[in-house]
Amino acid sequence: MDRLRYPIGPFESVENPTSKQHKLWIDEILEIPNLLRQTVKNLTLEQLHNPYRPGGWSVQQVVHHMADNDMNAYIRFKRALTEDHPISGSYREDLWAELSDYAAPIEMSLILLESLHNRFAVLLHSLRPSDFQRTFTSPTHGPMSLETATHRYAWHGRHHIAQIVSLKERMGWT
């Protein structure tokens, strides 16, 4: 079950990442919406309603979750850049996934992700090395630097795309 839930493995923080690693993560963040769009391209409504694992969210819920999560992440970054050690808000992602907007067409979230990631990349590319050391406190993960948060954000997108790819492969949809 863990392999279905974490097809690329759980998040593992990199200690003392280089500026080259920062750039790689920012490039990944910029590419995630395109990769997601290609991953869900040509899936039928029935396929979108399939959970990526038993007891997991449907593909459609995963796509909408990615948009919700990334909006929250963007706000966390902006607060950490403009406030001293803010406490970030959290949200009940399990309950958000049950709200009516998760039944909306995924195109809405795909467009949102494209715009959001483009804007996020502009912000990230402008950061000085010292900016990546700024912190916020996550209710679920504790104190976190923007350096670690950038890495986690890139991982999060790859993680959910891998869940969908894994489902497609298991179901023979590729």
N, C-alpha and C. Protein backbone atom coordinates (compact mmCIF):
# COMPACT_ATOMS: atom_id res chain seq x y z
N MET A 1 0.83 -1.21 0.00
CA MET A 1 0.00 0.00 0.00
C MET A 1 0.86 1.25 0.00
N ASP A 2 1.99 1.23 0.73
CA ASP A 2 2.86 2.40 0.75
C ASP A 2 3.38 2.74 -0.63
N ARG A 3 3.65 1.72 -1.45
CA ARG A 3 4.14 1.95 -2.81
C ARG A 3 3.07 2.63 -3.66
N LEU A 4 1.80 2.32 -3.42
CA LEU A 4 0.71 2.99 -4.14
C LEU A 4 0.54 4.42 -3.65
N ARG A 5 0.71 4.61 -2.34
CA ARG A 5 0.53 5.95 -1.77
C ARG A 5 1.73 6.84 -2.07
N TYR A 6 2.94 6.28 -2.05
CA TYR A 6 4.16 7.05 -2.27
C TYR A 6 5.00 6.40 -3.37
N PRO A 7 4.55 6.49 -4.62
CA PRO A 7 5.28 5.82 -5.70
C PRO A 7 6.70 6.33 -5.92
N ILE A 8 7.00 7.57 -5.51
CA ILE A 8 8.38 8.07 -5.62
C ILE A 8 9.06 8.09 -4.25
N GLY A 9 8.40 7.51 -3.26
CA GLY A 9 8.93 7.49 -1.90
C GLY A 9 8.50 8.72 -1.14
N PRO A 10 8.59 8.66 0.20
CA PRO A 10 8.23 9.82 1.01
C PRO A 10 9.24 10.94 0.83
N PHE A 11 8.83 12.14 1.19
CA PHE A 11 9.72 13.30 1.08
C PHE A 11 10.92 13.12 1.99
N GLU A 12 12.10 13.40 1.45
CA GLU A 12 13.34 13.38 2.22
C GLU A 12 14.08 14.68 1.95
N SER A 13 14.23 15.47 2.99
CA SER A 13 14.86 16.77 2.87
C SER A 13 16.34 16.64 2.52
N VAL A 14 16.84 17.58 1.72
CA VAL A 14 18.25 17.64 1.36
C VAL A 14 18.92 18.66 2.28
N GLU A 15 19.96 18.22 2.96
CA GLU A 15 20.71 19.13 3.82
C GLU A 15 21.67 19.96 2.98
N ASN A 16 21.71 21.25 3.22
CA ASN A 16 22.62 22.17 2.54
C ASN A 16 22.57 22.05 1.01
N PRO A 17 21.40 22.23 0.42
CA PRO A 17 21.33 22.15 -1.03
C PRO A 17 22.10 23.29 -1.70
N THR A 18 22.53 23.02 -2.90
CA THR A 18 23.30 24.01 -3.67
C THR A 18 22.34 24.92 -4.44
N SER A 19 22.88 25.99 -4.98
CA SER A 19 22.06 26.87 -5.82
C SER A 19 21.60 26.12 -7.07
N LYS A 20 22.39 25.16 -7.52
CA LYS A 20 21.99 24.33 -8.66
C LYS A 20 20.75 23.49 -8.31
N GLN A 21 20.70 22.97 -7.08
CA GLN A 21 19.52 22.21 -6.65
C GLN A 21 18.30 23.13 -6.54
N HIS A 22 18.50 24.35 -6.03
CA HIS A 22 17.39 25.31 -5.97
C HIS A 22 16.82 25.52 -7.37
N LYS A 23 17.71 25.74 -8.34
CA LYS A 23 17.26 25.98 -9.71
C LYS A 23 16.52 24.77 -10.25
N LEU A 24 17.01 23.57 -9.98
CA LEU A 24 16.33 22.35 -10.42
C LEU A 24 14.92 22.27 -9.85
N TRP A 25 14.78 22.57 -8.55
CA TRP A 25 13.46 22.52 -7.93
C TRP A 25 12.52 23.57 -8.53
N ILE A 26 13.04 24.75 -8.78
CA ILE A 26 12.22 25.81 -9.38
C ILE A 26 11.80 25.40 -10.79
N ASP A 27 12.72 24.83 -11.54
CA ASP A 27 12.39 24.33 -12.89
C ASP A 27 11.32 23.25 -12.83
N GLU A 28 11.41 22.36 -11.83
CA GLU A 28 10.40 21.32 -11.66
C GLU A 28 9.04 21.94 -11.35
N ILE A 29 9.03 22.92 -10.46
CA ILE A 29 7.79 23.60 -10.11
C ILE A 29 7.16 24.22 -11.35
N LEU A 30 7.98 24.82 -12.17
CA LEU A 30 7.47 25.44 -13.40
C LEU A 30 6.91 24.39 -14.36
N GLU A 31 7.47 23.19 -14.38
CA GLU A 31 7.08 22.14 -15.32
C GLU A 31 5.90 21.29 -14.84
N ILE A 32 5.62 21.29 -13.55
CA ILE A 32 4.57 20.42 -13.00
C ILE A 32 3.22 20.58 -13.70
N PRO A 33 2.72 21.79 -13.93
CA PRO A 33 1.41 21.89 -14.60
C PRO A 33 1.39 21.22 -15.98
N ASN A 34 2.46 21.38 -16.75
CA ASN A 34 2.52 20.74 -18.06
C ASN A 34 2.56 19.22 -17.93
N LEU A 35 3.36 18.72 -17.00
CA LEU A 35 3.43 17.27 -16.78
C LEU A 35 2.08 16.71 -16.33
N LEU A 36 1.42 17.44 -15.44
CA LEU A 36 0.10 17.00 -14.98
C LEU A 36 -0.89 16.99 -16.14
N ARG A 37 -0.89 18.05 -16.93
CA ARG A 37 -1.80 18.12 -18.08
C ARG A 37 -1.57 16.93 -19.02
N GLN A 38 -0.30 16.61 -19.30
CA GLN A 38 0.00 15.48 -20.19
C GLN A 38 -0.40 14.16 -19.55
N THR A 39 -0.27 14.06 -18.24
CA THR A 39 -0.61 12.83 -17.53
C THR A 39 -2.11 12.54 -17.57
N VAL A 40 -2.93 13.57 -17.46
CA VAL A 40 -4.39 13.36 -17.44
C VAL A 40 -5.03 13.51 -18.81
N LYS A 41 -4.23 13.87 -19.80
CA LYS A 41 -4.74 14.06 -21.16
C LYS A 41 -5.40 12.75 -21.63
N ASN A 42 -6.54 12.89 -22.23
CA ASN A 42 -7.29 11.78 -22.81
C ASN A 42 -7.92 10.83 -21.79
N LEU A 43 -7.88 11.16 -20.50
CA LEU A 43 -8.59 10.32 -19.54
C LEU A 43 -10.08 10.63 -19.64
N THR A 44 -10.88 9.59 -19.58
CA THR A 44 -12.33 9.76 -19.63
C THR A 44 -12.84 10.21 -18.27
N LEU A 45 -14.08 10.66 -18.23
CA LEU A 45 -14.69 11.05 -16.96
C LEU A 45 -14.71 9.86 -16.01
N GLU A 46 -14.99 8.69 -16.53
CA GLU A 46 -14.99 7.48 -15.70
C GLU A 46 -13.59 7.21 -15.13
N GLN A 47 -12.57 7.37 -15.93
CA GLN A 47 -11.20 7.17 -15.45
C GLN A 47 -10.82 8.22 -14.41
N LEU A 48 -11.25 9.46 -14.63
CA LEU A 48 -10.97 10.53 -13.66
C LEU A 48 -11.60 10.26 -12.30
N HIS A 49 -12.66 9.46 -12.28
CA HIS A 49 -13.35 9.17 -11.02
C HIS A 49 -12.76 7.95 -10.31
N ASN A 50 -11.76 7.32 -10.89
CA ASN A 50 -11.09 6.18 -10.26
C ASN A 50 -10.12 6.67 -9.19
N PRO A 51 -10.12 6.02 -8.01
CA PRO A 51 -9.11 6.37 -7.02
C PRO A 51 -7.75 5.84 -7.44
N TYR A 52 -6.71 6.59 -7.10
CA TYR A 52 -5.36 6.18 -7.49
C TYR A 52 -4.89 4.97 -6.67
N ARG A 53 -5.56 4.71 -5.54
CA ARG A 53 -5.29 3.53 -4.70
C ARG A 53 -6.55 3.24 -3.92
N PRO A 54 -6.70 2.01 -3.40
CA PRO A 54 -7.88 1.72 -2.57
C PRO A 54 -7.95 2.69 -1.39
N GLY A 55 -9.10 3.30 -1.21
CA GLY A 55 -9.28 4.26 -0.13
C GLY A 55 -8.70 5.63 -0.40
N GLY A 56 -8.11 5.82 -1.57
CA GLY A 56 -7.50 7.11 -1.92
C GLY A 56 -8.44 7.99 -2.70
N TRP A 57 -7.96 9.18 -3.02
CA TRP A 57 -8.75 10.11 -3.81
C TRP A 57 -8.83 9.66 -5.26
N SER A 58 -9.85 10.16 -5.94
CA SER A 58 -9.95 9.94 -7.38
C SER A 58 -8.91 10.83 -8.07
N VAL A 59 -8.63 10.52 -9.32
CA VAL A 59 -7.71 11.35 -10.10
C VAL A 59 -8.21 12.79 -10.10
N GLN A 60 -9.50 12.97 -10.28
CA GLN A 60 -10.08 14.31 -10.30
C GLN A 60 -9.83 15.03 -8.98
N GLN A 61 -10.01 14.35 -7.87
CA GLN A 61 -9.75 14.96 -6.57
C GLN A 61 -8.27 15.32 -6.40
N VAL A 62 -7.39 14.46 -6.90
CA VAL A 62 -5.95 14.74 -6.81
C VAL A 62 -5.62 16.02 -7.57
N VAL A 63 -6.16 16.18 -8.77
CA VAL A 63 -5.88 17.38 -9.57
C VAL A 63 -6.37 18.62 -8.83
N HIS A 64 -7.58 18.59 -8.31
CA HIS A 64 -8.10 19.75 -7.58
C HIS A 64 -7.31 19.99 -6.29
N HIS A 65 -6.91 18.92 -5.62
CA HIS A 65 -6.09 19.05 -4.42
C HIS A 65 -4.77 19.75 -4.74
N MET A 66 -4.16 19.40 -5.85
CA MET A 66 -2.89 20.03 -6.22
C MET A 66 -3.05 21.54 -6.34
N ALA A 67 -4.15 21.99 -6.93
CA ALA A 67 -4.39 23.43 -7.05
C ALA A 67 -4.59 24.06 -5.67
N ASP A 68 -5.40 23.42 -4.83
CA ASP A 68 -5.63 23.96 -3.48
C ASP A 68 -4.34 24.00 -2.68
N ASN A 69 -3.60 22.93 -2.72
CA ASN A 69 -2.36 22.86 -1.96
C ASN A 69 -1.37 23.92 -2.43
N ASP A 70 -1.26 24.08 -3.74
CA ASP A 70 -0.27 25.01 -4.27
C ASP A 70 -0.65 26.46 -4.00
N MET A 71 -1.95 26.76 -3.97
CA MET A 71 -2.36 28.11 -3.57
C MET A 71 -1.95 28.37 -2.13
N ASN A 72 -2.17 27.40 -1.26
CA ASN A 72 -1.77 27.54 0.14
C ASN A 72 -0.26 27.68 0.27
N ALA A 73 0.49 26.90 -0.50
CA ALA A 73 1.95 26.98 -0.45
C ALA A 73 2.45 28.36 -0.87
N TYR A 74 1.85 28.90 -1.92
CA TYR A 74 2.25 30.21 -2.41
C TYR A 74 2.05 31.27 -1.33
N ILE A 75 0.93 31.21 -0.64
CA ILE A 75 0.64 32.16 0.44
C ILE A 75 1.65 31.98 1.58
N ARG A 76 2.01 30.72 1.90
CA ARG A 76 3.01 30.48 2.94
C ARG A 76 4.34 31.15 2.58
N PHE A 77 4.74 31.01 1.32
CA PHE A 77 6.00 31.62 0.88
C PHE A 77 5.94 33.14 1.01
N LYS A 78 4.86 33.74 0.54
CA LYS A 78 4.76 35.20 0.59
C LYS A 78 4.75 35.70 2.03
N ARG A 79 4.09 34.97 2.91
CA ARG A 79 4.10 35.37 4.32
C ARG A 79 5.49 35.24 4.91
N ALA A 80 6.19 34.15 4.58
CA ALA A 80 7.54 33.97 5.13
C ALA A 80 8.50 35.03 4.61
N LEU A 81 8.25 35.55 3.42
CA LEU A 81 9.11 36.59 2.86
C LEU A 81 8.79 37.98 3.40
N THR A 82 7.62 38.15 3.99
CA THR A 82 7.20 39.48 4.43
C THR A 82 6.94 39.58 5.93
N GLU A 83 6.98 38.44 6.63
CA GLU A 83 6.76 38.42 8.07
C GLU A 83 7.89 37.62 8.72
N ASP A 84 8.12 37.85 9.98
CA ASP A 84 9.14 37.10 10.71
C ASP A 84 8.54 35.83 11.29
N HIS A 85 8.95 34.70 10.78
CA HIS A 85 8.57 33.37 11.28
C HIS A 85 7.06 33.21 11.47
N PRO A 86 6.26 33.47 10.44
CA PRO A 86 4.81 33.33 10.62
C PRO A 86 4.40 31.88 10.84
N ILE A 87 3.27 31.72 11.47
CA ILE A 87 2.66 30.40 11.59
C ILE A 87 1.73 30.27 10.40
N SER A 88 1.98 29.26 9.58
CA SER A 88 1.16 29.10 8.38
C SER A 88 -0.17 28.46 8.74
N GLY A 89 -1.15 28.79 7.96
CA GLY A 89 -2.45 28.17 8.14
C GLY A 89 -2.41 26.74 7.63
N SER A 90 -3.31 25.95 8.11
CA SER A 90 -3.46 24.61 7.58
C SER A 90 -4.89 24.49 7.08
N TYR A 91 -5.17 23.39 6.44
CA TYR A 91 -6.52 23.17 5.97
C TYR A 91 -6.81 21.69 6.01
N ARG A 92 -8.05 21.34 6.11
CA ARG A 92 -8.47 19.94 6.17
C ARG A 92 -8.62 19.43 4.74
N GLU A 93 -7.49 19.02 4.15
CA GLU A 93 -7.50 18.59 2.75
C GLU A 93 -8.47 17.44 2.54
N ASP A 94 -8.66 16.57 3.53
CA ASP A 94 -9.61 15.47 3.38
C ASP A 94 -11.04 16.01 3.22
N LEU A 95 -11.38 17.05 3.98
CA LEU A 95 -12.72 17.63 3.87
C LEU A 95 -12.86 18.52 2.64
N TRP A 96 -11.78 19.22 2.27
CA TRP A 96 -11.82 20.04 1.05
C TRP A 96 -12.11 19.14 -0.15
N ALA A 97 -11.56 17.93 -0.15
CA ALA A 97 -11.74 17.01 -1.29
C ALA A 97 -13.19 16.55 -1.42
N GLU A 98 -14.00 16.78 -0.40
CA GLU A 98 -15.41 16.39 -0.46
C GLU A 98 -16.32 17.55 -0.86
N LEU A 99 -15.78 18.76 -0.99
CA LEU A 99 -16.59 19.92 -1.35
C LEU A 99 -16.99 19.87 -2.82
N SER A 100 -18.05 20.58 -3.14
CA SER A 100 -18.64 20.51 -4.49
C SER A 100 -17.71 20.97 -5.60
N ASP A 101 -16.77 21.86 -5.33
CA ASP A 101 -15.89 22.33 -6.40
C ASP A 101 -14.95 21.23 -6.88
N TYR A 102 -14.80 20.15 -6.12
CA TYR A 102 -13.98 19.03 -6.56
C TYR A 102 -14.69 18.19 -7.63
N ALA A 103 -15.97 18.48 -7.84
CA ALA A 103 -16.70 17.82 -8.93
C ALA A 103 -16.62 18.63 -10.23
N ALA A 104 -16.02 19.82 -10.15
CA ALA A 104 -15.89 20.69 -11.34
C ALA A 104 -14.90 20.05 -12.32
N PRO A 105 -14.98 20.45 -13.58
CA PRO A 105 -14.01 19.93 -14.56
C PRO A 105 -12.57 20.24 -14.13
N ILE A 106 -11.67 19.29 -14.35
CA ILE A 106 -10.28 19.47 -13.93
C ILE A 106 -9.59 20.58 -14.71
N GLU A 107 -10.12 20.95 -15.86
CA GLU A 107 -9.50 22.01 -16.65
C GLU A 107 -9.38 23.30 -15.83
N MET A 108 -10.34 23.54 -14.95
CA MET A 108 -10.30 24.74 -14.10
C MET A 108 -9.03 24.73 -13.24
N SER A 109 -8.72 23.60 -12.64
CA SER A 109 -7.54 23.51 -11.79
C SER A 109 -6.26 23.46 -12.61
N LEU A 110 -6.31 22.87 -13.80
CA LEU A 110 -5.12 22.84 -14.66
C LEU A 110 -4.73 24.26 -15.06
N ILE A 111 -5.71 25.07 -15.43
CA ILE A 111 -5.43 26.47 -15.80
C ILE A 111 -4.90 27.24 -14.59
N LEU A 112 -5.53 27.03 -13.44
CA LEU A 112 -5.09 27.69 -12.21
C LEU A 112 -3.64 27.32 -11.90
N LEU A 113 -3.31 26.04 -12.00
CA LEU A 113 -1.95 25.59 -11.71
C LEU A 113 -0.94 26.21 -12.68
N GLU A 114 -1.29 26.32 -13.95
CA GLU A 114 -0.36 26.92 -14.92
C GLU A 114 -0.05 28.36 -14.53
N SER A 115 -1.07 29.13 -14.24
CA SER A 115 -0.86 30.53 -13.86
C SER A 115 -0.12 30.65 -12.53
N LEU A 116 -0.55 29.88 -11.56
CA LEU A 116 0.06 29.94 -10.24
C LEU A 116 1.54 29.54 -10.28
N HIS A 117 1.86 28.48 -10.99
CA HIS A 117 3.25 28.03 -11.04
C HIS A 117 4.13 29.01 -11.82
N ASN A 118 3.59 29.64 -12.84
CA ASN A 118 4.36 30.66 -13.55
C ASN A 118 4.67 31.83 -12.61
N ARG A 119 3.67 32.25 -11.87
CA ARG A 119 3.88 33.36 -10.94
C ARG A 119 4.82 32.95 -9.81
N PHE A 120 4.64 31.73 -9.31
CA PHE A 120 5.50 31.23 -8.23
C PHE A 120 6.95 31.19 -8.70
N ALA A 121 7.19 30.74 -9.93
CA ALA A 121 8.56 30.66 -10.46
C ALA A 121 9.19 32.05 -10.55
N VAL A 122 8.41 33.05 -10.94
CA VAL A 122 8.93 34.43 -10.98
C VAL A 122 9.41 34.83 -9.59
N LEU A 123 8.59 34.54 -8.58
CA LEU A 123 8.95 34.87 -7.21
C LEU A 123 10.21 34.11 -6.79
N LEU A 124 10.24 32.81 -7.03
CA LEU A 124 11.37 31.99 -6.59
C LEU A 124 12.68 32.39 -7.28
N HIS A 125 12.61 32.70 -8.57
CA HIS A 125 13.82 33.11 -9.29
C HIS A 125 14.38 34.43 -8.76
N SER A 126 13.54 35.24 -8.13
CA SER A 126 14.00 36.54 -7.63
C SER A 126 14.64 36.45 -6.24
N LEU A 127 14.53 35.31 -5.59
CA LEU A 127 15.03 35.20 -4.23
C LEU A 127 16.55 35.17 -4.17
N ARG A 128 17.07 35.84 -3.16
CA ARG A 128 18.51 35.78 -2.85
C ARG A 128 18.74 34.52 -2.02
N PRO A 129 19.96 34.03 -1.96
CA PRO A 129 20.23 32.85 -1.12
C PRO A 129 19.74 33.01 0.32
N SER A 130 19.90 34.21 0.87
CA SER A 130 19.45 34.43 2.26
C SER A 130 17.93 34.32 2.39
N ASP A 131 17.20 34.64 1.33
CA ASP A 131 15.74 34.54 1.38
C ASP A 131 15.29 33.10 1.59
N PHE A 132 16.04 32.15 1.03
CA PHE A 132 15.69 30.74 1.18
C PHE A 132 15.84 30.26 2.62
N GLN A 133 16.52 31.05 3.46
CA GLN A 133 16.70 30.68 4.87
C GLN A 133 15.57 31.21 5.75
N ARG A 134 14.72 32.06 5.18
CA ARG A 134 13.57 32.56 5.94
C ARG A 134 12.66 31.37 6.28
N THR A 135 11.92 31.50 7.35
CA THR A 135 11.14 30.36 7.83
C THR A 135 9.68 30.72 8.10
N PHE A 136 8.90 29.67 8.16
CA PHE A 136 7.53 29.74 8.66
C PHE A 136 7.33 28.47 9.48
N THR A 137 6.28 28.44 10.26
CA THR A 137 5.98 27.24 11.04
C THR A 137 4.72 26.61 10.49
N SER A 138 4.86 25.36 10.09
CA SER A 138 3.74 24.58 9.58
C SER A 138 3.12 23.82 10.74
N PRO A 139 1.79 23.85 10.87
CA PRO A 139 1.14 23.09 11.94
C PRO A 139 1.40 21.58 11.83
N THR A 140 1.67 21.09 10.63
CA THR A 140 1.89 19.65 10.45
C THR A 140 3.36 19.26 10.39
N HIS A 141 4.24 20.17 9.94
CA HIS A 141 5.65 19.83 9.76
C HIS A 141 6.60 20.61 10.66
N GLY A 142 6.08 21.56 11.42
CA GLY A 142 6.92 22.36 12.30
C GLY A 142 7.66 23.45 11.56
N PRO A 143 8.72 24.03 12.17
CA PRO A 143 9.48 25.10 11.51
C PRO A 143 10.09 24.59 10.20
N MET A 144 10.01 25.43 9.17
CA MET A 144 10.51 25.03 7.86
C MET A 144 11.09 26.24 7.14
N SER A 145 12.27 26.06 6.58
CA SER A 145 12.88 27.12 5.77
C SER A 145 12.23 27.12 4.39
N LEU A 146 12.33 28.25 3.70
CA LEU A 146 11.82 28.30 2.32
C LEU A 146 12.63 27.38 1.42
N GLU A 147 13.86 27.12 1.78
CA GLU A 147 14.69 26.17 1.04
C GLU A 147 14.05 24.78 1.08
N THR A 148 13.72 24.32 2.27
CA THR A 148 13.07 23.01 2.42
C THR A 148 11.68 23.04 1.80
N ALA A 149 10.97 24.13 1.98
CA ALA A 149 9.62 24.24 1.42
C ALA A 149 9.65 24.20 -0.10
N THR A 150 10.65 24.79 -0.73
CA THR A 150 10.78 24.73 -2.19
C THR A 150 10.96 23.29 -2.64
N HIS A 151 11.84 22.58 -1.95
CA HIS A 151 12.07 21.18 -2.27
C HIS A 151 10.79 20.36 -2.06
N ARG A 152 10.12 20.57 -0.93
CA ARG A 152 8.89 19.84 -0.62
C ARG A 152 7.81 20.14 -1.67
N TYR A 153 7.73 21.38 -2.10
CA TYR A 153 6.73 21.79 -3.08
C TYR A 153 6.97 21.09 -4.42
N ALA A 154 8.22 21.03 -4.85
CA ALA A 154 8.55 20.32 -6.10
C ALA A 154 8.24 18.83 -5.94
N TRP A 155 8.62 18.25 -4.80
CA TRP A 155 8.34 16.84 -4.54
C TRP A 155 6.84 16.57 -4.57
N HIS A 156 6.05 17.44 -3.95
CA HIS A 156 4.61 17.24 -3.83
C HIS A 156 3.96 17.09 -5.21
N GLY A 157 4.35 17.93 -6.15
CA GLY A 157 3.80 17.83 -7.50
C GLY A 157 4.19 16.52 -8.17
N ARG A 158 5.47 16.17 -8.08
CA ARG A 158 5.95 14.91 -8.67
C ARG A 158 5.26 13.71 -8.03
N HIS A 159 5.06 13.79 -6.72
CA HIS A 159 4.42 12.73 -5.94
C HIS A 159 3.01 12.43 -6.47
N HIS A 160 2.20 13.47 -6.64
CA HIS A 160 0.83 13.26 -7.10
C HIS A 160 0.78 12.84 -8.58
N ILE A 161 1.64 13.38 -9.38
CA ILE A 161 1.68 12.95 -10.79
C ILE A 161 2.05 11.48 -10.85
N ALA A 162 3.00 11.05 -10.03
CA ALA A 162 3.40 9.64 -10.00
C ALA A 162 2.25 8.74 -9.55
N GLN A 163 1.40 9.21 -8.65
CA GLN A 163 0.24 8.43 -8.24
C GLN A 163 -0.68 8.18 -9.44
N ILE A 164 -0.89 9.21 -10.23
CA ILE A 164 -1.77 9.08 -11.40
C ILE A 164 -1.13 8.18 -12.45
N VAL A 165 0.16 8.37 -12.70
CA VAL A 165 0.88 7.53 -13.67
C VAL A 165 0.82 6.07 -13.25
N SER A 166 1.02 5.81 -11.96
CA SER A 166 0.98 4.45 -11.44
C SER A 166 -0.39 3.81 -11.68
N LEU A 167 -1.45 4.57 -11.42
CA LEU A 167 -2.81 4.08 -11.67
C LEU A 167 -3.00 3.76 -13.15
N LYS A 168 -2.58 4.68 -14.01
CA LYS A 168 -2.73 4.46 -15.45
C LYS A 168 -2.02 3.19 -15.89
N GLU A 169 -0.82 2.97 -15.36
CA GLU A 169 -0.06 1.77 -15.72
C GLU A 169 -0.76 0.52 -15.22
N ARG A 170 -1.22 0.53 -13.97
CA ARG A 170 -1.90 -0.64 -13.41
C ARG A 170 -3.18 -0.97 -14.16
N MET A 171 -3.87 0.07 -14.61
CA MET A 171 -5.15 -0.12 -15.32
C MET A 171 -4.97 -0.33 -16.82
N GLY A 172 -3.75 -0.20 -17.31
CA GLY A 172 -3.50 -0.35 -18.73
C GLY A 172 -4.03 0.79 -19.57
N TRP A 173 -4.06 2.01 -18.99
CA TRP A 173 -4.56 3.18 -19.69
C TRP A 173 -3.49 3.90 -20.49
N THR A 174 -2.26 3.42 -20.45
CA THR A 174 -1.18 4.14 -21.16
C THR A 174 -0.98 3.60 -22.56
